[in-house]
Amino acid sequence: MLNHRFARSNPLLRAALVAGLLLSCSTALAKGTLVYCSEGSPEGFQPQFFTTGTTFDAVSVPMFNRLVEFE
């Protein structure tokens, strides 16, 4: 267990503890995000510059085919 006097006198330790708590909360918030799984890594995110099928599938179809629509 940490000595309370040491924890109060060390701002770096306090900052590390706060950062750890915030990072643990971000995983709970990330559950509502959209995840797209592809068969490979795209070469880039501009489909007009790349010709491989993986790049075309991962980039152009979701971006230009209205993967997410708002009403």
N, C-alpha and C. Protein backbone atom coordinates (compact mmCIF):
# COMPACT_ATOMS: atom_id res chain seq x y z
N MET A 1 0.84 -1.18 0.00
CA MET A 1 0.00 0.00 0.00
C MET A 1 0.88 1.24 0.00
N LEU A 2 0.47 2.25 -0.72
CA LEU A 2 1.25 3.48 -0.81
C LEU A 2 1.13 4.30 0.47
N ASN A 3 2.21 4.94 0.83
CA ASN A 3 2.19 5.86 1.95
C ASN A 3 1.43 7.11 1.52
N HIS A 4 0.44 7.54 2.29
CA HIS A 4 -0.39 8.68 1.90
C HIS A 4 0.42 9.97 1.77
N ARG A 5 1.43 10.14 2.61
CA ARG A 5 2.26 11.33 2.54
C ARG A 5 3.05 11.34 1.22
N PHE A 6 3.51 10.17 0.79
CA PHE A 6 4.26 10.08 -0.47
C PHE A 6 3.36 10.40 -1.65
N ALA A 7 2.14 9.90 -1.63
CA ALA A 7 1.21 10.15 -2.73
C ALA A 7 0.83 11.63 -2.82
N ARG A 8 0.71 12.30 -1.69
CA ARG A 8 0.36 13.72 -1.70
C ARG A 8 1.53 14.58 -2.14
N SER A 9 2.74 14.15 -1.85
CA SER A 9 3.90 14.98 -2.17
C SER A 9 4.42 14.74 -3.58
N ASN A 10 3.96 13.72 -4.27
CA ASN A 10 4.47 13.39 -5.59
C ASN A 10 3.39 13.66 -6.64
N PRO A 11 3.46 14.80 -7.34
CA PRO A 11 2.42 15.12 -8.33
C PRO A 11 2.47 14.19 -9.55
N LEU A 12 3.64 13.64 -9.86
CA LEU A 12 3.74 12.72 -11.00
C LEU A 12 2.96 11.44 -10.72
N LEU A 13 3.06 10.94 -9.52
CA LEU A 13 2.30 9.74 -9.15
C LEU A 13 0.81 10.02 -9.20
N ARG A 14 0.41 11.17 -8.72
CA ARG A 14 -1.00 11.55 -8.74
C ARG A 14 -1.50 11.65 -10.19
N ALA A 15 -0.70 12.26 -11.06
CA ALA A 15 -1.09 12.38 -12.47
C ALA A 15 -1.19 11.01 -13.13
N ALA A 16 -0.28 10.10 -12.79
CA ALA A 16 -0.32 8.76 -13.36
C ALA A 16 -1.56 8.00 -12.90
N LEU A 17 -1.93 8.17 -11.65
CA LEU A 17 -3.14 7.52 -11.15
C LEU A 17 -4.40 8.06 -11.83
N VAL A 18 -4.46 9.37 -12.01
CA VAL A 18 -5.62 9.97 -12.68
C VAL A 18 -5.68 9.52 -14.14
N ALA A 19 -4.52 9.47 -14.81
CA ALA A 19 -4.49 9.02 -16.20
C ALA A 19 -4.94 7.56 -16.31
N GLY A 20 -4.52 6.74 -15.38
CA GLY A 20 -4.94 5.34 -15.38
C GLY A 20 -6.44 5.19 -15.20
N LEU A 21 -7.00 5.99 -14.32
CA LEU A 21 -8.45 5.94 -14.11
C LEU A 21 -9.21 6.41 -15.35
N LEU A 22 -8.72 7.47 -15.99
CA LEU A 22 -9.39 7.97 -17.19
C LEU A 22 -9.30 6.97 -18.34
N LEU A 23 -8.16 6.31 -18.48
CA LEU A 23 -8.02 5.32 -19.54
C LEU A 23 -8.91 4.11 -19.31
N SER A 24 -9.10 3.74 -18.08
CA SER A 24 -9.99 2.61 -17.80
C SER A 24 -11.44 2.97 -18.10
N CYS A 25 -11.80 4.23 -17.98
CA CYS A 25 -13.16 4.66 -18.30
C CYS A 25 -13.39 4.73 -19.80
N SER A 26 -12.35 4.96 -20.57
CA SER A 26 -12.52 5.10 -22.02
C SER A 26 -12.94 3.79 -22.67
N THR A 27 -12.55 2.65 -22.11
CA THR A 27 -12.97 1.38 -22.69
C THR A 27 -14.47 1.17 -22.51
N ALA A 28 -15.02 1.66 -21.43
CA ALA A 28 -16.47 1.54 -21.24
C ALA A 28 -17.21 2.45 -22.21
N LEU A 29 -16.67 3.61 -22.51
CA LEU A 29 -17.31 4.52 -23.45
C LEU A 29 -17.16 4.06 -24.89
N ALA A 30 -16.14 3.28 -25.19
CA ALA A 30 -15.88 2.85 -26.56
C ALA A 30 -16.82 1.76 -27.03
N LYS A 31 -17.63 1.21 -26.16
CA LYS A 31 -18.53 0.13 -26.57
C LYS A 31 -19.59 0.60 -27.56
N GLY A 32 -19.91 1.87 -27.58
CA GLY A 32 -20.93 2.38 -28.47
C GLY A 32 -20.40 2.84 -29.82
N THR A 33 -19.12 2.66 -30.08
CA THR A 33 -18.55 3.14 -31.34
C THR A 33 -18.76 2.14 -32.45
N LEU A 34 -18.67 2.61 -33.67
CA LEU A 34 -18.81 1.79 -34.85
C LEU A 34 -17.47 1.15 -35.18
N VAL A 35 -17.46 -0.16 -35.38
CA VAL A 35 -16.23 -0.88 -35.71
C VAL A 35 -16.43 -1.55 -37.06
N TYR A 36 -15.48 -1.33 -37.98
CA TYR A 36 -15.52 -1.95 -39.30
C TYR A 36 -14.35 -2.89 -39.41
N CYS A 37 -14.61 -4.16 -39.67
CA CYS A 37 -13.53 -5.15 -39.80
C CYS A 37 -13.30 -5.44 -41.28
N SER A 38 -12.05 -5.41 -41.68
CA SER A 38 -11.67 -5.66 -43.05
C SER A 38 -10.75 -6.86 -43.11
N GLU A 39 -10.58 -7.41 -44.30
CA GLU A 39 -9.72 -8.58 -44.44
C GLU A 39 -8.23 -8.23 -44.40
N GLY A 40 -7.89 -6.97 -44.50
CA GLY A 40 -6.49 -6.56 -44.45
C GLY A 40 -6.38 -5.07 -44.18
N SER A 41 -5.16 -4.59 -44.14
CA SER A 41 -4.92 -3.17 -43.88
C SER A 41 -4.93 -2.40 -45.20
N PRO A 42 -5.70 -1.33 -45.29
CA PRO A 42 -5.67 -0.54 -46.52
C PRO A 42 -4.35 0.22 -46.66
N GLU A 43 -3.95 0.45 -47.91
CA GLU A 43 -2.70 1.19 -48.16
C GLU A 43 -2.86 2.67 -47.84
N GLY A 44 -4.05 3.18 -47.97
CA GLY A 44 -4.32 4.59 -47.70
C GLY A 44 -5.81 4.80 -47.60
N PHE A 45 -6.22 6.06 -47.42
CA PHE A 45 -7.63 6.35 -47.25
C PHE A 45 -8.20 7.20 -48.38
N GLN A 46 -7.51 7.26 -49.50
CA GLN A 46 -8.03 7.94 -50.68
C GLN A 46 -8.08 6.91 -51.81
N PRO A 47 -9.25 6.37 -52.12
CA PRO A 47 -9.34 5.26 -53.06
C PRO A 47 -8.91 5.60 -54.48
N GLN A 48 -8.88 6.87 -54.84
CA GLN A 48 -8.46 7.22 -56.20
C GLN A 48 -6.96 7.03 -56.41
N PHE A 49 -6.17 6.90 -55.34
CA PHE A 49 -4.72 6.74 -55.47
C PHE A 49 -4.25 5.30 -55.36
N PHE A 50 -5.09 4.37 -54.96
CA PHE A 50 -4.68 2.99 -54.73
C PHE A 50 -5.57 2.04 -55.51
N THR A 51 -5.02 0.92 -55.96
CA THR A 51 -5.77 0.02 -56.82
C THR A 51 -5.99 -1.36 -56.23
N THR A 52 -5.46 -1.66 -55.06
CA THR A 52 -5.65 -3.00 -54.51
C THR A 52 -7.09 -3.17 -54.03
N GLY A 53 -7.56 -4.40 -54.09
CA GLY A 53 -8.93 -4.68 -53.68
C GLY A 53 -9.19 -4.41 -52.21
N THR A 54 -8.19 -4.70 -51.38
CA THR A 54 -8.36 -4.48 -49.95
C THR A 54 -8.56 -3.00 -49.64
N THR A 55 -7.77 -2.15 -50.28
CA THR A 55 -7.92 -0.71 -50.06
C THR A 55 -9.26 -0.22 -50.58
N PHE A 56 -9.64 -0.69 -51.74
CA PHE A 56 -10.92 -0.27 -52.32
C PHE A 56 -12.09 -0.71 -51.45
N ASP A 57 -12.05 -1.95 -50.97
CA ASP A 57 -13.14 -2.45 -50.13
C ASP A 57 -13.22 -1.72 -48.80
N ALA A 58 -12.06 -1.48 -48.19
CA ALA A 58 -12.05 -0.89 -46.85
C ALA A 58 -12.33 0.60 -46.85
N VAL A 59 -12.06 1.28 -47.95
CA VAL A 59 -12.15 2.74 -47.94
C VAL A 59 -13.33 3.26 -48.74
N SER A 60 -13.44 2.90 -50.00
CA SER A 60 -14.43 3.55 -50.85
C SER A 60 -15.85 3.13 -50.55
N VAL A 61 -16.09 1.88 -50.29
CA VAL A 61 -17.46 1.44 -50.07
C VAL A 61 -18.05 2.06 -48.80
N PRO A 62 -17.39 2.00 -47.63
CA PRO A 62 -17.99 2.64 -46.45
C PRO A 62 -18.08 4.16 -46.55
N MET A 63 -17.09 4.80 -47.15
CA MET A 63 -17.10 6.26 -47.20
C MET A 63 -18.11 6.81 -48.19
N PHE A 64 -18.22 6.17 -49.33
CA PHE A 64 -19.03 6.74 -50.39
C PHE A 64 -20.36 6.01 -50.59
N ASN A 65 -20.65 5.03 -49.76
CA ASN A 65 -21.90 4.30 -49.90
C ASN A 65 -22.81 4.53 -48.69
N ARG A 66 -22.60 5.62 -47.97
CA ARG A 66 -23.43 6.01 -46.83
C ARG A 66 -23.56 4.89 -45.80
N LEU A 67 -22.43 4.50 -45.26
CA LEU A 67 -22.43 3.47 -44.23
C LEU A 67 -23.27 3.90 -43.04
N VAL A 68 -23.18 5.16 -42.68
CA VAL A 68 -23.98 5.70 -41.58
C VAL A 68 -24.82 6.84 -42.14
N GLU A 69 -26.12 6.73 -41.99
CA GLU A 69 -27.02 7.78 -42.47
C GLU A 69 -27.73 8.41 -41.29
N PHE A 70 -27.95 9.70 -41.38
CA PHE A 70 -28.67 10.42 -40.34
C PHE A 70 -30.01 10.86 -40.87
N GLU A 71 -31.00 10.80 -40.02
CA GLU A 71 -32.34 11.25 -40.43
C GLU A 71 -32.59 12.66 -39.94
